[in-house]
Amino acid sequence: MNTRTRTSKLPDRLSTLASLAALLERLEHEPGSASPLQYRQLSEQITRVLSQTDSDPHLHALLALAPATSQLYENLRYPHAGLCRSPLEQALTAEMAAATAIAKARGTPS
């Protein structure tokens, strides 16, 4: 993700998030370029920023350009909105598979 060209129309309040998202995308595409601890710290920092960021069209435009950050956003909002950024069929399939796996782990029929 090139933050200068693709996010130039984002408001200033999203500049930090855009920079962090660009770094996360780079790490996603260059495995081994950061230690697991560095990756985790970056993910946690992005999650903190996302938790303080209001949802609006500008944020969703940024998330459309940054799939890894979009996943963090979805995980953060999962308890309230489920798989809110995934296509409906994909989200439904994932939730059904999760329910089956949980039931199997508990030893109860699904």
PDB file of N, CA and C in Angstrom:
ATOM      1  N   MET A   1       0.851  -1.177   0.000  1.00  0.00           N
ATOM      2  CA  MET A   1       0.000   0.000   0.000  1.00  0.00           C
ATOM      3  C   MET A   1       0.888   1.228   0.000  1.00  0.00           C
ATOM      4  N   ASN A   2       0.719   2.064  -0.970  1.00  0.00           N
ATOM      5  CA  ASN A   2       1.474   3.312  -1.031  1.00  0.00           C
ATOM      6  C   ASN A   2       0.617   4.396  -0.389  1.00  0.00           C
ATOM      7  N   THR A   3       0.976   4.795   0.821  1.00  0.00           N
ATOM      8  CA  THR A   3       0.125   5.740   1.556  1.00  0.00           C
ATOM      9  C   THR A   3       0.075   7.112   0.920  1.00  0.00           C
ATOM     10  N   ARG A   4       1.099   7.494   0.198  1.00  0.00           N
ATOM     11  CA  ARG A   4       1.084   8.837  -0.396  1.00  0.00           C
ATOM     12  C   ARG A   4       0.096   8.946  -1.544  1.00  0.00           C
ATOM     13  N   THR A   5       0.034   7.935  -2.395  1.00  0.00           N
ATOM     14  CA  THR A   5      -0.829   8.050  -3.563  1.00  0.00           C
ATOM     15  C   THR A   5      -2.249   7.579  -3.287  1.00  0.00           C
ATOM     16  N   ARG A   6      -2.401   6.532  -2.531  1.00  0.00           N
ATOM     17  CA  ARG A   6      -3.732   5.962  -2.346  1.00  0.00           C
ATOM     18  C   ARG A   6      -4.523   6.581  -1.210  1.00  0.00           C
ATOM     19  N   THR A   7      -3.858   7.144  -0.224  1.00  0.00           N
ATOM     20  CA  THR A   7      -4.578   7.698   0.917  1.00  0.00           C
ATOM     21  C   THR A   7      -4.457   9.210   1.003  1.00  0.00           C
ATOM     22  N   SER A   8      -4.067   9.834  -0.091  1.00  0.00           N
ATOM     23  CA  SER A   8      -3.881  11.287  -0.062  1.00  0.00           C
ATOM     24  C   SER A   8      -5.179  12.033   0.231  1.00  0.00           C
ATOM     25  N   LYS A   9      -6.323  11.413   0.019  1.00  0.00           N
ATOM     26  CA  LYS A   9      -7.595  12.079   0.269  1.00  0.00           C
ATOM     27  C   LYS A   9      -8.133  11.777   1.658  1.00  0.00           C
ATOM     28  N   LEU A  10      -7.361  11.076   2.473  1.00  0.00           N
ATOM     29  CA  LEU A  10      -7.795  10.779   3.838  1.00  0.00           C
ATOM     30  C   LEU A  10      -7.599  12.000   4.726  1.00  0.00           C
ATOM     31  N   PRO A  11      -8.477  12.164   5.705  1.00  0.00           N
ATOM     32  CA  PRO A  11      -8.291  13.276   6.646  1.00  0.00           C
ATOM     33  C   PRO A  11      -7.035  13.058   7.492  1.00  0.00           C
ATOM     34  N   ASP A  12      -6.498  14.144   8.003  1.00  0.00           N
ATOM     35  CA  ASP A  12      -5.276  14.095   8.813  1.00  0.00           C
ATOM     36  C   ASP A  12      -5.397  13.147  10.005  1.00  0.00           C
ATOM     37  N   ARG A  13      -6.595  13.033  10.569  1.00  0.00           N
ATOM     38  CA  ARG A  13      -6.774  12.186  11.746  1.00  0.00           C
ATOM     39  C   ARG A  13      -6.467  10.720  11.462  1.00  0.00           C
ATOM     40  N   LEU A  14      -6.428  10.330  10.187  1.00  0.00           N
ATOM     41  CA  LEU A  14      -6.131   8.941   9.826  1.00  0.00           C
ATOM     42  C   LEU A  14      -4.696   8.747   9.340  1.00  0.00           C
ATOM     43  N   SER A  15      -3.872   9.791   9.396  1.00  0.00           N
ATOM     44  CA  SER A  15      -2.515   9.681   8.850  1.00  0.00           C
ATOM     45  C   SER A  15      -1.662   8.675   9.626  1.00  0.00           C
ATOM     46  N   THR A  16      -1.764   8.674  10.936  1.00  0.00           N
ATOM     47  CA  THR A  16      -0.998   7.711  11.734  1.00  0.00           C
ATOM     48  C   THR A  16      -1.445   6.291  11.411  1.00  0.00           C
ATOM     49  N   LEU A  17      -2.745   6.078  11.364  1.00  0.00           N
ATOM     50  CA  LEU A  17      -3.269   4.751  11.045  1.00  0.00           C
ATOM     51  C   LEU A  17      -2.836   4.327   9.647  1.00  0.00           C
ATOM     52  N   ALA A  18      -2.861   5.229   8.695  1.00  0.00           N
ATOM     53  CA  ALA A  18      -2.445   4.900   7.324  1.00  0.00           C
ATOM     54  C   ALA A  18      -0.976   4.488   7.287  1.00  0.00           C
ATOM     55  N   SER A  19      -0.139   5.180   8.035  1.00  0.00           N
ATOM     56  CA  SER A  19       1.288   4.838   8.077  1.00  0.00           C
ATOM     57  C   SER A  19       1.507   3.471   8.719  1.00  0.00           C
ATOM     58  N   LEU A  20       0.815   3.229   9.820  1.00  0.00           N
ATOM     59  CA  LEU A  20       0.931   1.927  10.487  1.00  0.00           C
ATOM     60  C   LEU A  20       0.404   0.809   9.591  1.00  0.00           C
ATOM     61  N   ALA A  21      -0.702   1.074   8.911  1.00  0.00           N
ATOM     62  CA  ALA A  21      -1.280   0.074   8.009  1.00  0.00           C
ATOM     63  C   ALA A  21      -0.330  -0.252   6.866  1.00  0.00           C
ATOM     64  N   ALA A  22       0.329   0.769   6.324  1.00  0.00           N
ATOM     65  CA  ALA A  22       1.290   0.549   5.244  1.00  0.00           C
ATOM     66  C   ALA A  22       2.449  -0.322   5.724  1.00  0.00           C
ATOM     67  N   LEU A  23       2.911  -0.076   6.946  1.00  0.00           N
ATOM     68  CA  LEU A  23       3.998  -0.880   7.504  1.00  0.00           C
ATOM     69  C   LEU A  23       3.548  -2.324   7.698  1.00  0.00           C
ATOM     70  N   LEU A  24       2.348  -2.520   8.210  1.00  0.00           N
ATOM     71  CA  LEU A  24       1.831  -3.879   8.399  1.00  0.00           C
ATOM     72  C   LEU A  24       1.697  -4.608   7.069  1.00  0.00           C
ATOM     73  N   GLU A  25       1.222  -3.912   6.052  1.00  0.00           N
ATOM     74  CA  GLU A  25       1.114  -4.547   4.725  1.00  0.00           C
ATOM     75  C   GLU A  25       2.492  -4.955   4.216  1.00  0.00           C
ATOM     76  N   ARG A  26       3.494  -4.106   4.437  1.00  0.00           N
ATOM     77  CA  ARG A  26       4.850  -4.448   4.012  1.00  0.00           C
ATOM     78  C   ARG A  26       5.343  -5.698   4.727  1.00  0.00           C
ATOM     79  N   LEU A  27       5.094  -5.772   6.034  1.00  0.00           N
ATOM     80  CA  LEU A  27       5.505  -6.954   6.791  1.00  0.00           C
ATOM     81  C   LEU A  27       4.759  -8.204   6.344  1.00  0.00           C
ATOM     82  N   GLU A  28       3.508  -8.039   5.958  1.00  0.00           N
ATOM     83  CA  GLU A  28       2.722  -9.177   5.459  1.00  0.00           C
ATOM     84  C   GLU A  28       3.312  -9.719   4.158  1.00  0.00           C
ATOM     85  N   HIS A  29       3.820  -8.820   3.319  1.00  0.00           N
ATOM     86  CA  HIS A  29       4.340  -9.225   2.010  1.00  0.00           C
ATOM     87  C   HIS A  29       5.822  -9.569   2.028  1.00  0.00           C
ATOM     88  N   GLU A  30       6.482  -9.300   3.147  1.00  0.00           N
ATOM     89  CA  GLU A  30       7.908  -9.614   3.284  1.00  0.00           C
ATOM     90  C   GLU A  30       8.128 -10.424   4.554  1.00  0.00           C
ATOM     91  N   PRO A  31       7.688 -11.690   4.560  1.00  0.00           N
ATOM     92  CA  PRO A  31       7.851 -12.511   5.765  1.00  0.00           C
ATOM     93  C   PRO A  31       9.310 -12.532   6.224  1.00  0.00           C
ATOM     94  N   GLY A  32       9.500 -12.471   7.504  1.00  0.00           N
ATOM     95  CA  GLY A  32      10.839 -12.498   8.061  1.00  0.00           C
ATOM     96  C   GLY A  32      11.505 -11.147   8.149  1.00  0.00           C
ATOM     97  N   SER A  33      10.848 -10.089   7.659  1.00  0.00           N
ATOM     98  CA  SER A  33      11.457  -8.759   7.720  1.00  0.00           C
ATOM     99  C   SER A  33      11.328  -8.128   9.106  1.00  0.00           C
ATOM    100  N   ALA A  34      10.555  -8.763   9.970  1.00  0.00           N
ATOM    101  CA  ALA A  34      10.413  -8.307  11.353  1.00  0.00           C
ATOM    102  C   ALA A  34      10.332  -9.527  12.251  1.00  0.00           C
ATOM    103  N   SER A  35      10.707  -9.349  13.475  1.00  0.00           N
ATOM    104  CA  SER A  35      10.606 -10.457  14.433  1.00  0.00           C
ATOM    105  C   SER A  35       9.130 -10.648  14.810  1.00  0.00           C
ATOM    106  N   PRO A  36       8.797 -11.813  15.338  1.00  0.00           N
ATOM    107  CA  PRO A  36       7.418 -12.012  15.801  1.00  0.00           C
ATOM    108  C   PRO A  36       6.993 -10.972  16.839  1.00  0.00           C
ATOM    109  N   LEU A  37       7.924 -10.583  17.698  1.00  0.00           N
ATOM    110  CA  LEU A  37       7.615  -9.570  18.713  1.00  0.00           C
ATOM    111  C   LEU A  37       7.307  -8.225  18.063  1.00  0.00           C
ATOM    112  N   GLN A  38       8.111  -7.829  17.070  1.00  0.00           N
ATOM    113  CA  GLN A  38       7.864  -6.568  16.367  1.00  0.00           C
ATOM    114  C   GLN A  38       6.513  -6.600  15.662  1.00  0.00           C
ATOM    115  N   TYR A  39       6.202  -7.715  15.026  1.00  0.00           N
ATOM    116  CA  TYR A  39       4.915  -7.861  14.325  1.00  0.00           C
ATOM    117  C   TYR A  39       3.767  -7.737  15.331  1.00  0.00           C
ATOM    118  N   ARG A  40       3.908  -8.421  16.457  1.00  0.00           N
ATOM    119  CA  ARG A  40       2.858  -8.377  17.476  1.00  0.00           C
ATOM    120  C   ARG A  40       2.690  -6.967  18.032  1.00  0.00           C
ATOM    121  N   GLN A  41       3.800  -6.285  18.297  1.00  0.00           N
ATOM    122  CA  GLN A  41       3.714  -4.924  18.823  1.00  0.00           C
ATOM    123  C   GLN A  41       3.048  -3.979  17.825  1.00  0.00           C
ATOM    124  N   LEU A  42       3.361  -4.131  16.557  1.00  0.00           N
ATOM    125  CA  LEU A  42       2.729  -3.308  15.525  1.00  0.00           C
ATOM    126  C   LEU A  42       1.232  -3.598  15.467  1.00  0.00           C
ATOM    127  N   SER A  43       0.875  -4.876  15.491  1.00  0.00           N
ATOM    128  CA  SER A  43      -0.550  -5.250  15.463  1.00  0.00           C
ATOM    129  C   SER A  43      -1.290  -4.676  16.658  1.00  0.00           C
ATOM    130  N   GLU A  44      -0.666  -4.739  17.829  1.00  0.00           N
ATOM    131  CA  GLU A  44      -1.299  -4.190  19.032  1.00  0.00           C
ATOM    132  C   GLU A  44      -1.438  -2.672  18.943  1.00  0.00           C
ATOM    133  N   GLN A  45      -0.440  -2.017  18.379  1.00  0.00           N
ATOM    134  CA  GLN A  45      -0.509  -0.553  18.228  1.00  0.00           C
ATOM    135  C   GLN A  45      -1.634  -0.180  17.262  1.00  0.00           C
ATOM    136  N   ILE A  46      -1.739  -0.898  16.160  1.00  0.00           N
ATOM    137  CA  ILE A  46      -2.815  -0.623  15.197  1.00  0.00           C
ATOM    138  C   ILE A  46      -4.170  -0.876  15.852  1.00  0.00           C
ATOM    139  N   THR A  47      -4.280  -1.938  16.623  1.00  0.00           N
ATOM    140  CA  THR A  47      -5.541  -2.240  17.298  1.00  0.00           C
ATOM    141  C   THR A  47      -5.924  -1.122  18.256  1.00  0.00           C
ATOM    142  N   ARG A  48      -4.940  -0.583  18.980  1.00  0.00           N
ATOM    143  CA  ARG A  48      -5.221   0.550  19.888  1.00  0.00           C
ATOM    144  C   ARG A  48      -5.723   1.766  19.102  1.00  0.00           C
ATOM    145  N   VAL A  49      -5.065   2.065  17.999  1.00  0.00           N
ATOM    146  CA  VAL A  49      -5.480   3.212  17.185  1.00  0.00           C
ATOM    147  C   VAL A  49      -6.886   2.966  16.615  1.00  0.00           C
ATOM    148  N   LEU A  50      -7.121   1.760  16.116  1.00  0.00           N
ATOM    149  CA  LEU A  50      -8.441   1.445  15.561  1.00  0.00           C
ATOM    150  C   LEU A  50      -9.540   1.564  16.616  1.00  0.00           C
ATOM    151  N   SER A  51      -9.248   1.164  17.838  1.00  0.00           N
ATOM    152  CA  SER A  51     -10.270   1.215  18.889  1.00  0.00           C
ATOM    153  C   SER A  51     -10.649   2.652  19.242  1.00  0.00           C
ATOM    154  N   GLN A  52      -9.790   3.611  18.886  1.00  0.00           N
ATOM    155  CA  GLN A  52     -10.060   5.019  19.167  1.00  0.00           C
ATOM    156  C   GLN A  52     -10.500   5.796  17.926  1.00  0.00           C
ATOM    157  N   THR A  53     -10.694   5.066  16.820  1.00  0.00           N
ATOM    158  CA  THR A  53     -11.034   5.717  15.552  1.00  0.00           C
ATOM    159  C   THR A  53     -12.506   5.491  15.233  1.00  0.00           C
ATOM    160  N   ASP A  54     -13.198   6.577  14.944  1.00  0.00           N
ATOM    161  CA  ASP A  54     -14.605   6.472  14.568  1.00  0.00           C
ATOM    162  C   ASP A  54     -14.735   5.858  13.182  1.00  0.00           C
ATOM    163  N   SER A  55     -15.749   5.034  13.040  1.00  0.00           N
ATOM    164  CA  SER A  55     -16.024   4.410  11.752  1.00  0.00           C
ATOM    165  C   SER A  55     -16.699   5.422  10.831  1.00  0.00           C
ATOM    166  N   ASP A  56     -16.142   5.590   9.645  1.00  0.00           N
ATOM    167  CA  ASP A  56     -16.736   6.470   8.651  1.00  0.00           C
ATOM    168  C   ASP A  56     -16.241   6.033   7.273  1.00  0.00           C
ATOM    169  N   PRO A  57     -16.736   6.633   6.208  1.00  0.00           N
ATOM    170  CA  PRO A  57     -16.309   6.227   4.863  1.00  0.00           C
ATOM    171  C   PRO A  57     -14.802   6.345   4.630  1.00  0.00           C
ATOM    172  N   HIS A  58     -14.148   7.327   5.261  1.00  0.00           N
ATOM    173  CA  HIS A  58     -12.702   7.479   5.086  1.00  0.00           C
ATOM    174  C   HIS A  58     -11.957   6.291   5.699  1.00  0.00           C
ATOM    175  N   LEU A  59     -12.377   5.866   6.883  1.00  0.00           N
ATOM    176  CA  LEU A  59     -11.749   4.707   7.509  1.00  0.00           C
ATOM    177  C   LEU A  59     -11.953   3.476   6.643  1.00  0.00           C
ATOM    178  N   HIS A  60     -13.156   3.293   6.136  1.00  0.00           N
ATOM    179  CA  HIS A  60     -13.435   2.109   5.316  1.00  0.00           C
ATOM    180  C   HIS A  60     -12.668   2.145   3.994  1.00  0.00           C
ATOM    181  N   ALA A  61     -12.412   3.326   3.472  1.00  0.00           N
ATOM    182  CA  ALA A  61     -11.573   3.436   2.268  1.00  0.00           C
ATOM    183  C   ALA A  61     -10.152   2.985   2.580  1.00  0.00           C
ATOM    184  N   LEU A  62      -9.639   3.386   3.736  1.00  0.00           N
ATOM    185  CA  LEU A  62      -8.309   2.958   4.156  1.00  0.00           C
ATOM    186  C   LEU A  62      -8.273   1.448   4.359  1.00  0.00           C
ATOM    187  N   LEU A  63      -9.280   0.910   5.024  1.00  0.00           N
ATOM    188  CA  LEU A  63      -9.325  -0.534   5.276  1.00  0.00           C
ATOM    189  C   LEU A  63      -9.411  -1.339   3.978  1.00  0.00           C
ATOM    190  N   ALA A  64     -10.049  -0.782   2.966  1.00  0.00           N
ATOM    191  CA  ALA A  64     -10.136  -1.467   1.666  1.00  0.00           C
ATOM    192  C   ALA A  64      -8.757  -1.591   1.022  1.00  0.00           C
ATOM    193  N   LEU A  65      -7.854  -0.672   1.348  1.00  0.00           N
ATOM    194  CA  LEU A  65      -6.498  -0.698   0.793  1.00  0.00           C
ATOM    195  C   LEU A  65      -5.529  -1.528   1.632  1.00  0.00           C
ATOM    196  N   ALA A  66      -5.917  -1.851   2.842  1.00  0.00           N
ATOM    197  CA  ALA A  66      -5.014  -2.514   3.781  1.00  0.00           C
ATOM    198  C   ALA A  66      -5.682  -3.749   4.387  1.00  0.00           C
ATOM    199  N   PRO A  67      -5.626  -4.879   3.687  1.00  0.00           N
ATOM    200  CA  PRO A  67      -6.320  -6.082   4.162  1.00  0.00           C
ATOM    201  C   PRO A  67      -5.907  -6.556   5.555  1.00  0.00           C
ATOM    202  N   ALA A  68      -4.645  -6.453   5.905  1.00  0.00           N
ATOM    203  CA  ALA A  68      -4.206  -6.911   7.230  1.00  0.00           C
ATOM    204  C   ALA A  68      -4.804  -6.030   8.326  1.00  0.00           C
ATOM    205  N   THR A  69      -4.826  -4.730   8.107  1.00  0.00           N
ATOM    206  CA  THR A  69      -5.436  -3.815   9.071  1.00  0.00           C
ATOM    207  C   THR A  69      -6.946  -4.019   9.104  1.00  0.00           C
ATOM    208  N   SER A  70      -7.523  -4.322   7.961  1.00  0.00           N
ATOM    209  CA  SER A  70      -8.953  -4.610   7.896  1.00  0.00           C
ATOM    210  C   SER A  70      -9.298  -5.829   8.756  1.00  0.00           C
ATOM    211  N   GLN A  71      -8.433  -6.828   8.759  1.00  0.00           N
ATOM    212  CA  GLN A  71      -8.663  -8.003   9.607  1.00  0.00           C
ATOM    213  C   GLN A  71      -8.599  -7.641  11.077  1.00  0.00           C
ATOM    214  N   LEU A  72      -7.663  -6.797  11.450  1.00  0.00           N
ATOM    215  CA  LEU A  72      -7.582  -6.349  12.843  1.00  0.00           C
ATOM    216  C   LEU A  72      -8.851  -5.588  13.239  1.00  0.00           C
ATOM    217  N   TYR A  73      -9.334  -4.740  12.331  1.00  0.00           N
ATOM    218  CA  TYR A  73     -10.563  -3.986  12.574  1.00  0.00           C
ATOM    219  C   TYR A  73     -11.736  -4.945  12.782  1.00  0.00           C
ATOM    220  N   GLU A  74     -11.823  -5.942  11.914  1.00  0.00           N
ATOM    221  CA  GLU A  74     -12.909  -6.913  12.010  1.00  0.00           C
ATOM    222  C   GLU A  74     -12.812  -7.703  13.316  1.00  0.00           C
ATOM    223  N   ASN A  75     -11.607  -8.118  13.702  1.00  0.00           N
ATOM    224  CA  ASN A  75     -11.434  -8.844  14.955  1.00  0.00           C
ATOM    225  C   ASN A  75     -11.822  -7.984  16.150  1.00  0.00           C
ATOM    226  N   LEU A  76     -11.501  -6.722  16.091  1.00  0.00           N
ATOM    227  CA  LEU A  76     -11.832  -5.793  17.168  1.00  0.00           C
ATOM    228  C   LEU A  76     -13.345  -5.629  17.310  1.00  0.00           C
ATOM    229  N   ARG A  77     -14.038  -5.633  16.211  1.00  0.00           N
ATOM    230  CA  ARG A  77     -15.488  -5.422  16.209  1.00  0.00           C
ATOM    231  C   ARG A  77     -16.300  -6.719  16.225  1.00  0.00           C
ATOM    232  N   TYR A  78     -15.630  -7.863  16.175  1.00  0.00           N
ATOM    233  CA  TYR A  78     -16.315  -9.157  16.063  1.00  0.00           C
ATOM    234  C   TYR A  78     -17.387  -9.393  17.132  1.00  0.00           C
ATOM    235  N   PRO A  79     -17.130  -9.110  18.411  1.00  0.00           N
ATOM    236  CA  PRO A  79     -18.169  -9.386  19.416  1.00  0.00           C
ATOM    237  C   PRO A  79     -19.478  -8.643  19.162  1.00  0.00           C
ATOM    238  N   HIS A  80     -19.406  -7.508  18.477  1.00  0.00           N
ATOM    239  CA  HIS A  80     -20.602  -6.698  18.253  1.00  0.00           C
ATOM    240  C   HIS A  80     -21.159  -6.838  16.844  1.00  0.00           C
ATOM    241  N   ALA A  81     -20.283  -7.081  15.872  1.00  0.00           N
ATOM    242  CA  ALA A  81     -20.732  -7.042  14.482  1.00  0.00           C
ATOM    243  C   ALA A  81     -20.384  -8.294  13.678  1.00  0.00           C
ATOM    244  N   GLY A  82     -19.809  -9.297  14.301  1.00  0.00           N
ATOM    245  CA  GLY A  82     -19.432 -10.497  13.559  1.00  0.00           C
ATOM    246  C   GLY A  82     -18.370 -10.167  12.523  1.00  0.00           C
ATOM    247  N   LEU A  83     -18.388 -10.885  11.443  1.00  0.00           N
ATOM    248  CA  LEU A  83     -17.419 -10.660  10.370  1.00  0.00           C
ATOM    249  C   LEU A  83     -17.939  -9.537   9.479  1.00  0.00           C
ATOM    250  N   CYS A  84     -17.857  -8.305   9.978  1.00  0.00           N
ATOM    251  CA  CYS A  84     -18.511  -7.156   9.358  1.00  0.00           C
ATOM    252  C   CYS A  84     -17.907  -6.706   8.034  1.00  0.00           C
ATOM    253  N   ARG A  85     -16.673  -7.075   7.729  1.00  0.00           N
ATOM    254  CA  ARG A  85     -16.047  -6.629   6.487  1.00  0.00           C
ATOM    255  C   ARG A  85     -15.899  -7.764   5.475  1.00  0.00           C
ATOM    256  N   SER A  86     -16.344  -8.955   5.837  1.00  0.00           N
ATOM    257  CA  SER A  86     -16.238 -10.094   4.932  1.00  0.00           C
ATOM    258  C   SER A  86     -17.518 -10.243   4.131  1.00  0.00           C
ATOM    259  N   PRO A  87     -17.410 -10.748   2.905  1.00  0.00           N
ATOM    260  CA  PRO A  87     -18.627 -11.025   2.142  1.00  0.00           C
ATOM    261  C   PRO A  87     -19.528 -11.960   2.947  1.00  0.00           C
ATOM    262  N   LEU A  88     -20.826 -11.788   2.822  1.00  0.00           N
ATOM    263  CA  LEU A  88     -21.787 -12.510   3.648  1.00  0.00           C
ATOM    264  C   LEU A  88     -21.608 -14.026   3.584  1.00  0.00           C
ATOM    265  N   GLU A  89     -21.484 -14.588   2.402  1.00  0.00           N
ATOM    266  CA  GLU A  89     -21.357 -16.047   2.291  1.00  0.00           C
ATOM    267  C   GLU A  89     -20.089 -16.536   2.976  1.00  0.00           C
ATOM    268  N   GLN A  90     -18.990 -15.834   2.762  1.00  0.00           N
ATOM    269  CA  GLN A  90     -17.723 -16.195   3.398  1.00  0.00           C
ATOM    270  C   GLN A  90     -17.843 -16.077   4.915  1.00  0.00           C
ATOM    271  N   ALA A  91     -18.485 -15.029   5.388  1.00  0.00           N
ATOM    272  CA  ALA A  91     -18.655 -14.825   6.822  1.00  0.00           C
ATOM    273  C   ALA A  91     -19.512 -15.926   7.428  1.00  0.00           C
ATOM    274  N   LEU A  92     -20.597 -16.275   6.757  1.00  0.00           N
ATOM    275  CA  LEU A  92     -21.485 -17.320   7.252  1.00  0.00           C
ATOM    276  C   LEU A  92     -20.766 -18.658   7.312  1.00  0.00           C
ATOM    277  N   THR A  93     -20.024 -18.988   6.273  1.00  0.00           N
ATOM    278  CA  THR A  93     -19.271 -20.243   6.244  1.00  0.00           C
ATOM    279  C   THR A  93     -18.254 -20.287   7.375  1.00  0.00           C
ATOM    280  N   ALA A  94     -17.555 -19.184   7.599  1.00  0.00           N
ATOM    281  CA  ALA A  94     -16.554 -19.128   8.669  1.00  0.00           C
ATOM    282  C   ALA A  94     -17.209 -19.272  10.036  1.00  0.00           C
ATOM    283  N   GLU A  95     -18.332 -18.610  10.255  1.00  0.00           N
ATOM    284  CA  GLU A  95     -19.005 -18.709  11.548  1.00  0.00           C
ATOM    285  C   GLU A  95     -19.544 -20.105  11.787  1.00  0.00           C
ATOM    286  N   MET A  96     -20.068 -20.757  10.748  1.00  0.00           N
ATOM    287  CA  MET A  96     -20.566 -22.125  10.893  1.00  0.00           C
ATOM    288  C   MET A  96     -19.413 -23.084  11.193  1.00  0.00           C
ATOM    289  N   ALA A  97     -18.284 -22.902  10.522  1.00  0.00           N
ATOM    290  CA  ALA A  97     -17.123 -23.751  10.772  1.00  0.00           C
ATOM    291  C   ALA A  97     -16.609 -23.546  12.202  1.00  0.00           C
ATOM    292  N   ALA A  98     -16.618 -22.305  12.661  1.00  0.00           N
ATOM    293  CA  ALA A  98     -16.177 -22.026  14.032  1.00  0.00           C
ATOM    294  C   ALA A  98     -17.114 -22.684  15.042  1.00  0.00           C
ATOM    295  N   ALA A  99     -18.410 -22.592  14.815  1.00  0.00           N
ATOM    296  CA  ALA A  99     -19.373 -23.209  15.727  1.00  0.00           C
ATOM    297  C   ALA A  99     -19.194 -24.724  15.768  1.00  0.00           C
ATOM    298  N   THR A 100     -18.952 -25.328  14.623  1.00  0.00           N
ATOM    299  CA  THR A 100     -18.725 -26.773  14.554  1.00  0.00           C
ATOM    300  C   THR A 100     -17.449 -27.148  15.308  1.00  0.00           C
ATOM    301  N   ALA A 101     -16.383 -26.385  15.110  1.00  0.00           N
ATOM    302  CA  ALA A 101     -15.116 -26.675  15.782  1.00  0.00           C
ATOM    303  C   ALA A 101     -15.248 -26.511  17.298  1.00  0.00           C
ATOM    304  N   ILE A 102     -15.961 -25.497  17.733  1.00  0.00           N
ATOM    305  CA  ILE A 102     -16.167 -25.277  19.172  1.00  0.00           C
ATOM    306  C   ILE A 102     -16.972 -26.429  19.767  1.00  0.00           C
ATOM    307  N   ALA A 103     -18.041 -26.821  19.069  1.00  0.00           N
ATOM    308  CA  ALA A 103     -18.864 -27.929  19.555  1.00  0.00           C
ATOM    309  C   ALA A 103     -18.046 -29.219  19.628  1.00  0.00           C
ATOM    310  N   LYS A 104     -17.213 -29.454  18.614  1.00  0.00           N
ATOM    311  CA  LYS A 104     -16.379 -30.652  18.600  1.00  0.00           C
ATOM    312  C   LYS A 104     -15.378 -30.621  19.746  1.00  0.00           C
ATOM    313  N   ALA A 105     -14.777 -29.461  20.000  1.00  0.00           N
ATOM    314  CA  ALA A 105     -13.810 -29.332  21.095  1.00  0.00           C
ATOM    315  C   ALA A 105     -14.483 -29.554  22.461  1.00  0.00           C
ATOM    316  N   ARG A 106     -15.718 -29.155  22.561  1.00  0.00           N
ATOM    317  CA  ARG A 106     -16.452 -29.335  23.817  1.00  0.00           C
ATOM    318  C   ARG A 106     -17.004 -30.750  23.946  1.00  0.00           C
ATOM    319  N   GLY A 107     -16.994 -31.469  22.836  1.00  0.00           N
ATOM    320  CA  GLY A 107     -17.541 -32.830  22.857  1.00  0.00           C
ATOM    321  C   GLY A 107     -19.051 -32.881  22.755  1.00  0.00           C
ATOM    322  N   THR A 108     -19.645 -31.807  22.236  1.00  0.00           N
ATOM    323  CA  THR A 108     -21.097 -31.772  22.057  1.00  0.00           C
ATOM    324  C   THR A 108     -21.421 -31.835  20.574  1.00  0.00           C
ATOM    325  N   PRO A 109     -22.580 -32.368  20.219  1.00  0.00           N
ATOM    326  CA  PRO A 109     -22.964 -32.416  18.799  1.00  0.00           C
ATOM    327  C   PRO A 109     -23.215 -31.014  18.258  1.00  0.00           C
ATOM    328  N   SER A 110     -22.874 -30.783  16.988  1.00  0.00           N
ATOM    329  CA  SER A 110     -23.034 -29.448  16.411  1.00  0.00           C
ATOM    330  C   SER A 110     -24.402 -29.190  15.886  1.00  0.00           C
TER     331      SER A 110
END
